[in-house]
Amino acid sequence: MIPEVLENKIKASCGALFSDVLTGYRSARAVTLRANALRSSADEVAAKLRGAGIAFSRVAWYADAFILTDALEEEVEALPLYRNGEVYLQSLSSMLPPLALAPAAGENILDMTAAPGGKTTQILALSGGKALVTACERDAVRFERMKFNLARQGAERVNALRTDALALDDFLKFDKILLDAPCTGTGTISADGRVRFSEEYLAKCVKMQRKLLAKALRLLKKGGTLVYSTCSVLREENDGAAEEAIRRGAKLVPLEIPEEIPRLPSMEGTVCVCPNEHYEGFYVAKFTI
């Protein structure tokens, strides 16, 4: 299912849990979504899902998160609550970085690589709609998709910039920054998905991640918070980046992650989520300067 070169990389990164990763890839992943607090409440979303005959379970560590029992994304997309922006289809793992960022009202927050906008709207929602959020996306098509999602989710006050975050003036300073870095996507592999991987592609991703990380540290206020994340399970993209941040003077802020979230080996204080039927493979690390 996966090329040998990637298999060897996963073995090197995950050790004895390599077989768990493969099992996670083969699992049929449930549809998950987030109630959008900018448009609705979790209880209102729950009532509307029940009314539509869609079974679900709630997530203990995040009141706004739902796991659908047997529904397809297409069924959710046909519902008025989806078209009205009351929910956002999002993996549970990708909800973790905004939660780790802990945005608050009045904070100046940067989402460096923001499209398609799911984490951006979650950041604004977690602040009660009162953070000052700037979202960057350099690709024209992805930027338009992000703007559409921001509007649908009621996040019009987000300052959406069609620009490469690397081009931002270092004079700008932010209280909090989310760097959900472009990566190989080795945490999101599925049984029926096409796997794109090579040593060259990994090297390209790592190079870009390091450049973005260095930029994030220059843009962060003293005492501010940086959350770095990827949808990868590879050490080069994860702990390797965390080590680079520390070498550049950042201090690791240990994450407190619920025990129910499946884990892979990673640097103490960080989390690498193991893919399974509910979670994508994902990495999150938090820093301050």
Protein backbone atom coordinates (compact mmCIF):
# COMPACT_ATOMS: atom_id res chain seq x y z
CA MET A 1 0.00 0.00 0.00
CA ILE A 2 2.87 2.36 0.72
CA PRO A 3 6.25 2.60 -1.02
CA GLU A 4 9.19 0.91 0.67
CA VAL A 5 11.06 4.16 1.21
CA LEU A 6 8.12 5.56 3.19
CA GLU A 7 7.69 2.29 5.10
CA ASN A 8 11.29 2.56 6.26
CA LYS A 9 10.79 6.18 7.30
CA ILE A 10 7.71 5.31 9.36
CA LYS A 11 9.54 2.41 11.01
CA ALA A 12 12.39 4.75 11.94
CA SER A 13 9.99 7.33 13.36
CA CYS A 14 7.43 5.11 15.08
CA GLY A 15 9.44 2.07 16.12
CA ALA A 16 7.38 -0.70 17.71
CA LEU A 17 4.14 1.14 16.87
CA PHE A 18 4.74 0.84 13.11
CA SER A 19 2.05 -1.84 12.85
CA ASP A 20 -0.42 0.46 14.65
CA VAL A 21 0.19 3.12 11.99
CA LEU A 22 -0.49 0.61 9.20
CA THR A 23 -3.67 -0.51 10.95
CA GLY A 24 -4.72 3.12 11.20
CA TYR A 25 -4.16 3.63 7.49
CA ARG A 26 -6.39 0.64 6.72
CA SER A 27 -9.17 1.73 9.07
CA ALA A 28 -12.35 3.24 7.70
CA ARG A 29 -12.17 6.70 9.25
CA ALA A 30 -15.41 8.08 10.67
CA VAL A 31 -16.74 11.43 9.55
CA THR A 32 -16.09 14.06 12.21
CA LEU A 33 -17.17 17.66 12.47
CA ARG A 34 -17.02 20.72 14.67
CA ALA A 35 -19.94 22.84 15.78
CA ASN A 36 -19.14 26.40 14.72
CA ALA A 37 -19.65 28.58 17.79
CA LEU A 38 -19.74 31.66 15.55
CA ARG A 39 -23.04 30.43 14.09
CA SER A 40 -24.54 27.95 16.54
CA SER A 41 -23.98 25.97 19.72
CA ALA A 42 -22.96 22.34 20.11
CA ASP A 43 -26.32 21.51 21.69
CA GLU A 44 -28.21 23.11 18.80
CA VAL A 45 -26.08 21.17 16.31
CA ALA A 46 -26.74 17.95 18.26
CA ALA A 47 -30.50 18.55 18.09
CA LYS A 48 -30.40 19.22 14.36
CA LEU A 49 -28.31 16.11 13.67
CA ARG A 50 -30.81 14.03 15.64
CA GLY A 51 -33.64 15.65 13.69
CA ALA A 52 -31.92 14.65 10.44
CA GLY A 53 -31.58 11.07 11.64
CA ILE A 54 -27.79 11.23 11.88
CA ALA A 55 -26.35 9.26 14.79
CA PHE A 56 -23.27 10.60 16.54
CA SER A 57 -21.18 10.54 19.67
CA ARG A 58 -19.68 13.51 21.48
CA VAL A 59 -15.97 13.96 22.18
CA ALA A 60 -15.05 14.17 25.87
CA TRP A 61 -12.08 16.52 25.39
CA TYR A 62 -13.87 19.06 23.16
CA ALA A 63 -17.54 19.92 23.55
CA ASP A 64 -17.84 21.22 19.97
CA ALA A 65 -16.54 17.99 18.34
CA PHE A 66 -18.76 15.22 16.97
CA ILE A 67 -18.06 11.73 15.62
CA LEU A 68 -20.75 10.54 13.22
CA THR A 69 -21.63 6.88 13.58
CA ASP A 70 -22.31 5.91 9.99
CA ALA A 71 -23.04 9.04 7.95
CA LEU A 72 -21.11 10.11 4.88
CA GLU A 73 -19.75 13.61 4.30
CA GLU A 74 -22.20 14.00 1.43
CA GLU A 75 -25.11 13.51 3.81
CA VAL A 76 -23.82 16.27 6.07
CA GLU A 77 -23.18 18.59 3.13
CA ALA A 78 -26.84 18.22 2.11
CA LEU A 79 -28.07 19.57 5.45
CA PRO A 80 -29.08 23.21 6.00
CA LEU A 81 -26.83 23.42 9.07
CA TYR A 82 -23.82 22.69 6.85
CA ARG A 83 -24.84 25.17 4.16
CA ASN A 84 -25.47 27.78 6.87
CA GLY A 85 -22.00 27.32 8.32
CA GLU A 86 -23.20 25.93 11.64
CA VAL A 87 -20.76 23.02 11.33
CA TYR A 88 -17.39 22.44 9.72
CA LEU A 89 -16.22 19.03 8.53
CA GLN A 90 -12.85 18.62 10.21
CA SER A 91 -10.69 15.79 11.51
CA LEU A 92 -10.45 15.51 15.28
CA SER A 93 -6.66 15.67 15.07
CA SER A 94 -6.72 19.00 13.24
CA MET A 95 -8.84 20.50 16.02
CA LEU A 96 -5.93 20.10 18.44
CA PRO A 97 -3.62 22.94 17.24
CA PRO A 98 -6.18 25.76 17.78
CA LEU A 99 -7.02 24.29 21.19
CA ALA A 100 -3.30 24.26 22.06
CA LEU A 101 -3.04 27.88 20.88
CA ALA A 102 -5.81 28.85 23.35
CA PRO A 103 -6.84 32.09 21.60
CA ALA A 104 -8.42 34.83 23.68
CA ALA A 105 -10.36 38.02 23.01
CA GLY A 106 -8.22 40.95 21.92
CA GLU A 107 -5.16 38.89 20.98
CA ASN A 108 -3.41 39.52 17.68
CA ILE A 109 -3.14 36.08 16.07
CA LEU A 110 -1.53 34.88 12.84
CA ASP A 111 -2.47 31.74 10.93
CA MET A 112 0.54 31.41 8.61
CA THR A 113 -0.70 28.82 6.08
CA ALA A 114 -4.42 29.07 6.59
CA ALA A 115 -6.34 27.52 3.67
CA PRO A 116 -8.91 26.07 3.58
CA GLY A 117 -9.70 27.97 6.77
CA GLY A 118 -10.97 25.35 9.22
CA LYS A 119 -8.42 26.10 11.91
CA THR A 120 -8.73 29.84 11.23
CA THR A 121 -12.45 29.83 11.98
CA GLN A 122 -11.87 27.59 15.00
CA ILE A 123 -9.33 30.08 16.35
CA LEU A 124 -11.83 32.93 15.99
CA ALA A 125 -14.63 30.84 17.53
CA LEU A 126 -12.47 29.86 20.52
CA SER A 127 -11.85 33.56 21.19
CA GLY A 128 -15.57 34.23 21.24
CA GLY A 129 -15.21 35.95 17.89
CA LYS A 130 -13.07 38.65 19.52
CA ALA A 131 -9.46 37.86 18.54
CA LEU A 132 -7.76 39.83 15.77
CA VAL A 133 -6.94 37.04 13.33
CA THR A 134 -4.77 37.37 10.22
CA ALA A 135 -4.82 34.44 7.80
CA CYS A 136 -2.25 34.02 5.02
CA GLU A 137 -2.52 31.87 1.89
CA ARG A 138 -0.29 32.32 -1.15
CA ASP A 139 -2.11 30.05 -3.63
CA ALA A 140 -4.86 31.89 -5.52
CA VAL A 141 -7.30 28.96 -5.76
CA ARG A 142 -6.83 27.95 -2.13
CA PHE A 143 -7.16 31.57 -1.06
CA GLU A 144 -10.56 31.90 -2.75
CA ARG A 145 -11.69 28.67 -1.12
CA MET A 146 -10.56 30.01 2.24
CA LYS A 147 -12.46 33.28 1.74
CA PHE A 148 -15.60 31.29 0.88
CA ASN A 149 -15.25 29.19 4.03
CA LEU A 150 -14.58 32.22 6.21
CA ALA A 151 -17.73 33.91 4.93
CA ARG A 152 -19.86 30.78 5.35
CA GLN A 153 -18.59 30.29 8.89
CA GLY A 154 -19.29 33.87 9.91
CA ALA A 155 -15.61 34.81 10.21
CA GLU A 156 -15.74 37.93 8.08
CA ARG A 157 -13.62 39.91 10.55
CA VAL A 158 -10.58 37.70 9.78
CA ASN A 159 -7.94 39.68 7.89
CA ALA A 160 -7.41 37.32 4.92
CA LEU A 161 -4.21 38.00 2.98
CA ARG A 162 -3.35 36.40 -0.34
CA THR A 163 0.35 36.33 0.38
CA ASP A 164 3.17 34.04 1.41
CA ALA A 165 3.66 34.39 5.17
CA LEU A 166 7.40 34.49 4.45
CA ALA A 167 6.82 37.86 2.79
CA LEU A 168 5.36 39.50 5.91
CA ASP A 169 7.41 42.36 7.32
CA ASP A 170 9.37 41.31 10.41
CA PHE A 171 8.23 44.60 11.95
CA LEU A 172 4.84 42.94 12.51
CA LYS A 173 4.45 41.17 15.84
CA PHE A 174 1.78 38.73 16.97
CA ASP A 175 0.67 37.49 20.39
CA LYS A 176 0.06 34.01 19.04
CA ILE A 177 0.94 32.20 15.82
CA LEU A 178 -0.31 28.95 14.33
CA LEU A 179 2.05 27.32 11.85
CA ASP A 180 0.19 24.34 10.44
CA ALA A 181 3.04 23.61 8.09
CA PRO A 182 2.86 22.17 4.57
CA CYS A 183 4.00 18.56 4.88
CA THR A 184 4.11 15.12 3.28
CA GLY A 185 0.69 14.22 4.69
CA THR A 186 1.88 10.84 5.96
CA GLY A 187 -0.66 10.98 8.77
CA THR A 188 -3.64 11.14 6.42
CA ILE A 189 -2.99 8.06 4.27
CA SER A 190 -6.09 5.92 3.79
CA ALA A 191 -6.71 2.47 2.38
CA ASP A 192 -8.16 3.84 -0.86
CA GLY A 193 -5.88 6.88 -1.15
CA ARG A 194 -2.99 7.56 -3.49
CA VAL A 195 0.36 7.84 -1.70
CA ARG A 196 2.72 10.53 -2.94
CA PHE A 197 6.15 10.25 -1.34
CA SER A 198 9.83 10.43 -2.16
CA GLU A 199 13.03 11.42 -0.38
CA GLU A 200 13.10 14.55 -2.55
CA TYR A 201 9.53 15.50 -1.62
CA LEU A 202 10.31 15.02 2.08
CA ALA A 203 13.44 17.18 1.78
CA LYS A 204 11.44 19.90 0.02
CA CYS A 205 8.80 19.89 2.76
CA VAL A 206 11.40 19.98 5.55
CA LYS A 207 13.18 22.92 3.92
CA MET A 208 9.93 24.90 3.70
CA GLN A 209 8.94 23.97 7.26
CA ARG A 210 12.23 25.26 8.64
CA LYS A 211 11.92 28.54 6.72
CA LEU A 212 8.38 29.08 7.97
CA LEU A 213 9.38 28.17 11.52
CA ALA A 214 12.24 30.68 11.52
CA LYS A 215 9.85 33.33 10.18
CA ALA A 216 7.26 32.53 12.84
CA LEU A 217 9.81 33.04 15.60
CA ARG A 218 10.74 36.44 14.13
CA LEU A 219 7.09 37.50 14.03
CA LEU A 220 6.24 36.32 17.55
CA LYS A 221 6.11 38.81 20.43
CA LYS A 222 8.30 38.18 23.44
CA GLY A 223 6.29 35.95 25.74
CA GLY A 224 3.98 34.96 22.87
CA THR A 225 2.82 31.50 21.86
CA LEU A 226 3.70 29.54 18.73
CA VAL A 227 1.96 26.27 17.87
CA TYR A 228 3.62 24.15 15.18
CA SER A 229 1.71 21.27 13.61
CA THR A 230 1.77 18.87 10.68
CA CYS A 231 -0.39 16.02 9.41
CA SER A 232 2.73 13.83 9.29
CA VAL A 233 4.07 11.01 11.45
CA LEU A 234 7.69 11.43 10.32
CA ARG A 235 10.32 12.56 12.78
CA GLU A 236 12.07 14.82 10.24
CA GLU A 237 8.95 16.99 9.96
CA ASN A 238 7.98 16.83 13.62
CA ASP A 239 10.52 16.46 16.41
CA GLY A 240 13.18 17.65 13.96
CA ALA A 241 11.32 20.95 13.65
CA ALA A 242 10.81 21.18 17.41
CA GLU A 243 14.54 20.71 17.95
CA GLU A 244 15.22 23.45 15.41
CA ALA A 245 12.87 25.83 17.24
CA ILE A 246 14.67 25.14 20.50
CA ARG A 247 18.04 25.72 18.82
CA ARG A 248 16.71 29.11 17.73
CA GLY A 249 15.93 30.04 21.33
CA ALA A 250 12.30 28.96 21.68
CA LYS A 251 11.14 27.26 24.87
CA LEU A 252 8.96 24.18 24.60
CA VAL A 253 5.63 24.47 26.43
CA PRO A 254 4.50 20.94 27.39
CA LEU A 255 1.11 19.96 26.01
CA GLU A 256 -1.55 18.29 28.10
CA ILE A 257 -3.29 15.80 25.80
CA PRO A 258 -6.25 13.61 26.85
CA GLU A 259 -5.30 9.99 27.46
CA GLU A 260 -7.91 8.74 25.00
CA ILE A 261 -6.02 10.22 22.03
CA PRO A 262 -3.77 7.49 20.53
CA ARG A 263 -0.11 8.44 20.64
CA LEU A 264 3.08 7.72 18.73
CA PRO A 265 6.59 8.31 20.08
CA SER A 266 7.60 11.99 20.12
CA MET A 267 9.64 14.47 22.12
CA GLU A 268 8.44 14.83 25.70
CA GLY A 269 5.91 17.67 25.88
CA THR A 270 4.81 17.28 22.24
CA VAL A 271 2.16 14.97 20.80
CA CYS A 272 2.18 12.78 17.71
CA VAL A 273 -1.27 11.30 17.13
CA CYS A 274 -1.48 7.76 15.81
CA PRO A 275 -3.97 7.31 12.96
CA ASN A 276 -6.98 5.11 13.67
CA GLU A 277 -10.70 4.97 12.88
CA HIS A 278 -11.29 8.37 14.56
CA TYR A 279 -7.98 10.22 14.21
CA GLU A 280 -5.57 11.18 11.47
CA GLY A 281 -1.86 11.06 12.16
CA PHE A 282 -0.89 14.51 13.41
CA TYR A 283 1.87 16.33 15.30
CA VAL A 284 1.56 19.32 17.62
CA ALA A 285 4.23 21.24 19.54
CA LYS A 286 3.88 24.50 21.48
CA PHE A 287 6.57 27.11 22.14
CA THR A 288 7.16 30.50 23.66
CA ILE A 289 10.09 32.92 23.44
